[in-house]
């Protein structure tokens, strides 16, 4: 185990965000879970967040092939793959479904990009944030 990894574990092994989560009741929250996260038990996290989400304002998105950076694990493990994919097919860097939009006319749950877009359309400031978000996620 690396020294950085050990520092992370010793600093965070007793972390408890319960009170912070309770304070968010009624506020839209997007819980994004990566399937390849060595720091988080995603099943336990999902269960805890669901219990604390009495207001029903939470949306859960799970990306089984993603790392915490939401890149595909198969790409993130190689600097060469990251570089080549970023140059020639940048949208392919991310986990399947992360940058997609909900198909028009369907009842499918919104993707992460669509979820954020729905929430950033409200005020002038939010519209500017939304435009910035879209410029970073659409290609």
C-alpha atoms as a PDB file:
ATOM      1  CA  UNK A   1       0.000   0.000   0.000  1.00  0.00           C
ATOM      2  CA  UNK A   2       1.344   3.401  -0.940  1.00  0.00           C
ATOM      3  CA  UNK A   3       1.866   6.126   1.632  1.00  0.00           C
ATOM      4  CA  UNK A   4      -0.782   8.299  -0.062  1.00  0.00           C
ATOM      5  CA  UNK A   5      -3.308   5.475   0.064  1.00  0.00           C
ATOM      6  CA  UNK A   6      -2.573   4.836   3.739  1.00  0.00           C
ATOM      7  CA  UNK A   7      -3.026   8.560   4.542  1.00  0.00           C
ATOM      8  CA  UNK A   8      -6.373   8.573   2.740  1.00  0.00           C
ATOM      9  CA  UNK A   9      -7.611   5.499   4.623  1.00  0.00           C
ATOM     10  CA  UNK A  10      -6.445   6.691   8.036  1.00  0.00           C
ATOM     11  CA  UNK A  11      -8.001  10.098   7.508  1.00  0.00           C
ATOM     12  CA  UNK A  12     -11.372   8.882   6.196  1.00  0.00           C
ATOM     13  CA  UNK A  13     -12.128   5.468   7.688  1.00  0.00           C
ATOM     14  CA  UNK A  14     -14.423   6.969  10.346  1.00  0.00           C
ATOM     15  CA  UNK A  15     -16.028   9.661   8.176  1.00  0.00           C
ATOM     16  CA  UNK A  16     -19.800  10.000   8.621  1.00  0.00           C
ATOM     17  CA  UNK A  17     -21.810  12.387   6.432  1.00  0.00           C
ATOM     18  CA  UNK A  18     -25.215  11.498   7.933  1.00  0.00           C
ATOM     19  CA  UNK A  19     -25.931  14.962   9.344  1.00  0.00           C
ATOM     20  CA  UNK A  20     -24.870  16.647   6.120  1.00  0.00           C
ATOM     21  CA  UNK A  21     -27.148  14.367   4.120  1.00  0.00           C
ATOM     22  CA  UNK A  22     -30.085  14.984   6.436  1.00  0.00           C
ATOM     23  CA  UNK A  23     -29.644  18.732   5.892  1.00  0.00           C
ATOM     24  CA  UNK A  24     -30.148  18.169   2.147  1.00  0.00           C
ATOM     25  CA  UNK A  25     -33.690  16.769   2.429  1.00  0.00           C
ATOM     26  CA  UNK A  26     -35.876  18.167  -0.336  1.00  0.00           C
ATOM     27  CA  UNK A  27     -32.887  19.468  -2.322  1.00  0.00           C
ATOM     28  CA  UNK A  28     -32.213  17.629  -5.603  1.00  0.00           C
ATOM     29  CA  UNK A  29     -29.155  15.420  -5.152  1.00  0.00           C
ATOM     30  CA  UNK A  30     -27.442  13.346  -7.795  1.00  0.00           C
ATOM     31  CA  UNK A  31     -25.666  10.333  -6.308  1.00  0.00           C
ATOM     32  CA  UNK A  32     -23.174   9.160  -8.909  1.00  0.00           C
ATOM     33  CA  UNK A  33     -21.605   5.783  -8.206  1.00  0.00           C
ATOM     34  CA  UNK A  34     -18.680   4.215 -10.015  1.00  0.00           C
ATOM     35  CA  UNK A  35     -18.455   0.452 -10.270  1.00  0.00           C
ATOM     36  CA  UNK A  36     -14.669   0.472  -9.884  1.00  0.00           C
ATOM     37  CA  UNK A  37     -14.259   2.587  -6.769  1.00  0.00           C
ATOM     38  CA  UNK A  38     -11.830   1.045  -4.303  1.00  0.00           C
ATOM     39  CA  UNK A  39     -12.640   3.702  -1.687  1.00  0.00           C
ATOM     40  CA  UNK A  40     -16.424   3.334  -1.558  1.00  0.00           C
ATOM     41  CA  UNK A  41     -18.759   0.422  -0.961  1.00  0.00           C
ATOM     42  CA  UNK A  42     -21.285   1.538  -3.576  1.00  0.00           C
ATOM     43  CA  UNK A  43     -24.068  -0.832  -2.449  1.00  0.00           C
ATOM     44  CA  UNK A  44     -23.792   0.401   1.139  1.00  0.00           C
ATOM     45  CA  UNK A  45     -23.596   4.034   0.006  1.00  0.00           C
ATOM     46  CA  UNK A  46     -26.716   3.654  -2.135  1.00  0.00           C
ATOM     47  CA  UNK A  47     -28.601   2.016   0.755  1.00  0.00           C
ATOM     48  CA  UNK A  48     -27.645   4.733   3.239  1.00  0.00           C
ATOM     49  CA  UNK A  49     -28.479   7.568   0.873  1.00  0.00           C
ATOM     50  CA  UNK A  50     -31.882   5.998   0.096  1.00  0.00           C
ATOM     51  CA  UNK A  51     -32.717   5.718   3.803  1.00  0.00           C
ATOM     52  CA  UNK A  52     -31.767   9.344   4.398  1.00  0.00           C
ATOM     53  CA  UNK A  53     -33.620  10.607   1.312  1.00  0.00           C
ATOM     54  CA  UNK A  54     -37.078  10.878   2.848  1.00  0.00           C
ATOM     55  CA  UNK A  55     -37.982  13.781   0.543  1.00  0.00           C
ATOM     56  CA  UNK A  56     -37.461  11.721  -2.606  1.00  0.00           C
ATOM     57  CA  UNK A  57     -35.289  14.381  -4.243  1.00  0.00           C
ATOM     58  CA  UNK A  58     -32.382  12.027  -4.942  1.00  0.00           C
ATOM     59  CA  UNK A  59     -31.483  10.544  -8.297  1.00  0.00           C
ATOM     60  CA  UNK A  60     -29.020   7.638  -8.387  1.00  0.00           C
ATOM     61  CA  UNK A  61     -26.824   6.950 -11.400  1.00  0.00           C
ATOM     62  CA  UNK A  62     -24.560   3.905 -11.354  1.00  0.00           C
ATOM     63  CA  UNK A  63     -21.826   3.388 -13.930  1.00  0.00           C
ATOM     64  CA  UNK A  64     -20.553  -0.198 -13.548  1.00  0.00           C
ATOM     65  CA  UNK A  65     -17.489   0.237 -15.803  1.00  0.00           C
ATOM     66  CA  UNK A  66     -16.453   3.616 -14.348  1.00  0.00           C
ATOM     67  CA  UNK A  67     -13.723   4.671 -11.992  1.00  0.00           C
ATOM     68  CA  UNK A  68     -14.390   7.567  -9.557  1.00  0.00           C
ATOM     69  CA  UNK A  69     -13.296   9.973 -12.313  1.00  0.00           C
ATOM     70  CA  UNK A  70     -16.155   8.507 -14.422  1.00  0.00           C
ATOM     71  CA  UNK A  71     -13.671   7.364 -17.030  1.00  0.00           C
ATOM     72  CA  UNK A  72     -13.924   3.813 -18.314  1.00  0.00           C
ATOM     73  CA  UNK A  73     -11.696   1.628 -16.185  1.00  0.00           C
ATOM     74  CA  UNK A  74     -10.153  -0.038 -19.251  1.00  0.00           C
ATOM     75  CA  UNK A  75      -8.995   3.364 -20.505  1.00  0.00           C
ATOM     76  CA  UNK A  76      -7.974   4.960 -17.208  1.00  0.00           C
ATOM     77  CA  UNK A  77      -5.480   2.191 -16.467  1.00  0.00           C
ATOM     78  CA  UNK A  78      -3.253   3.255 -19.356  1.00  0.00           C
ATOM     79  CA  UNK A  79      -1.735   6.694 -19.928  1.00  0.00           C
ATOM     80  CA  UNK A  80      -1.331   5.831 -23.616  1.00  0.00           C
ATOM     81  CA  UNK A  81      -5.027   4.871 -23.959  1.00  0.00           C
ATOM     82  CA  UNK A  82      -6.108   8.046 -22.154  1.00  0.00           C
ATOM     83  CA  UNK A  83      -4.009  10.214 -24.446  1.00  0.00           C
ATOM     84  CA  UNK A  84      -5.030   8.531 -27.704  1.00  0.00           C
ATOM     85  CA  UNK A  85      -8.710   8.391 -26.767  1.00  0.00           C
ATOM     86  CA  UNK A  86      -8.674  12.034 -25.666  1.00  0.00           C
ATOM     87  CA  UNK A  87      -7.170  13.044 -29.011  1.00  0.00           C
ATOM     88  CA  UNK A  88      -9.264  10.925 -31.358  1.00  0.00           C
ATOM     89  CA  UNK A  89     -12.513  10.136 -29.536  1.00  0.00           C
ATOM     90  CA  UNK A  90     -12.807  12.233 -26.362  1.00  0.00           C
ATOM     91  CA  UNK A  91     -16.418  11.283 -25.588  1.00  0.00           C
ATOM     92  CA  UNK A  92     -15.282   7.641 -25.466  1.00  0.00           C
ATOM     93  CA  UNK A  93     -13.188   8.372 -22.379  1.00  0.00           C
ATOM     94  CA  UNK A  94     -16.253   8.389 -20.149  1.00  0.00           C
ATOM     95  CA  UNK A  95     -18.322   5.513 -18.829  1.00  0.00           C
ATOM     96  CA  UNK A  96     -21.122   4.365 -21.112  1.00  0.00           C
ATOM     97  CA  UNK A  97     -24.196   6.528 -20.593  1.00  0.00           C
ATOM     98  CA  UNK A  98     -22.480   9.313 -18.643  1.00  0.00           C
ATOM     99  CA  UNK A  99     -22.672  11.906 -21.419  1.00  0.00           C
ATOM    100  CA  UNK A 100     -25.837  10.615 -23.107  1.00  0.00           C
ATOM    101  CA  UNK A 101     -29.138  12.416 -23.000  1.00  0.00           C
ATOM    102  CA  UNK A 102     -32.511  10.826 -22.366  1.00  0.00           C
ATOM    103  CA  UNK A 103     -33.966   9.733 -25.693  1.00  0.00           C
ATOM    104  CA  UNK A 104     -36.783  12.065 -26.775  1.00  0.00           C
ATOM    105  CA  UNK A 105     -40.264  10.781 -26.056  1.00  0.00           C
ATOM    106  CA  UNK A 106     -39.149   8.049 -23.648  1.00  0.00           C
ATOM    107  CA  UNK A 107     -39.675   7.583 -19.946  1.00  0.00           C
ATOM    108  CA  UNK A 108     -36.080   6.440 -19.385  1.00  0.00           C
ATOM    109  CA  UNK A 109     -34.415   7.979 -16.352  1.00  0.00           C
ATOM    110  CA  UNK A 110     -32.318  11.002 -17.296  1.00  0.00           C
ATOM    111  CA  UNK A 111     -28.612  10.521 -17.747  1.00  0.00           C
ATOM    112  CA  UNK A 112     -26.163  12.429 -15.593  1.00  0.00           C
ATOM    113  CA  UNK A 113     -25.768  15.164 -18.205  1.00  0.00           C
ATOM    114  CA  UNK A 114     -29.540  15.519 -18.615  1.00  0.00           C
ATOM    115  CA  UNK A 115     -30.092  15.542 -14.841  1.00  0.00           C
ATOM    116  CA  UNK A 116     -27.635  18.409 -14.421  1.00  0.00           C
ATOM    117  CA  UNK A 117     -29.091  20.240 -17.407  1.00  0.00           C
ATOM    118  CA  UNK A 118     -32.607  20.110 -15.949  1.00  0.00           C
ATOM    119  CA  UNK A 119     -31.400  21.647 -12.713  1.00  0.00           C
ATOM    120  CA  UNK A 120     -29.248  24.392 -14.233  1.00  0.00           C
ATOM    121  CA  UNK A 121     -31.871  26.023 -16.455  1.00  0.00           C
ATOM    122  CA  UNK A 122     -33.667  28.043 -13.787  1.00  0.00           C
ATOM    123  CA  UNK A 123     -31.958  31.425 -13.244  1.00  0.00           C
ATOM    124  CA  UNK A 124     -29.681  33.575 -15.398  1.00  0.00           C
ATOM    125  CA  UNK A 125     -26.701  32.458 -13.326  1.00  0.00           C
ATOM    126  CA  UNK A 126     -27.826  28.848 -13.615  1.00  0.00           C
ATOM    127  CA  UNK A 127     -28.278  29.201 -17.376  1.00  0.00           C
ATOM    128  CA  UNK A 128     -24.691  30.425 -17.683  1.00  0.00           C
ATOM    129  CA  UNK A 129     -23.496  27.509 -15.555  1.00  0.00           C
ATOM    130  CA  UNK A 130     -25.604  25.169 -17.703  1.00  0.00           C
ATOM    131  CA  UNK A 131     -24.065  26.549 -20.914  1.00  0.00           C
ATOM    132  CA  UNK A 132     -20.594  26.078 -19.476  1.00  0.00           C
ATOM    133  CA  UNK A 133     -21.534  22.544 -18.416  1.00  0.00           C
ATOM    134  CA  UNK A 134     -22.829  21.751 -21.915  1.00  0.00           C
ATOM    135  CA  UNK A 135     -19.731  23.161 -23.588  1.00  0.00           C
ATOM    136  CA  UNK A 136     -17.643  20.782 -21.493  1.00  0.00           C
ATOM    137  CA  UNK A 137     -19.802  17.696 -22.042  1.00  0.00           C
ATOM    138  CA  UNK A 138     -20.961  17.919 -25.649  1.00  0.00           C
ATOM    139  CA  UNK A 139     -18.736  17.578 -28.519  1.00  0.00           C
END
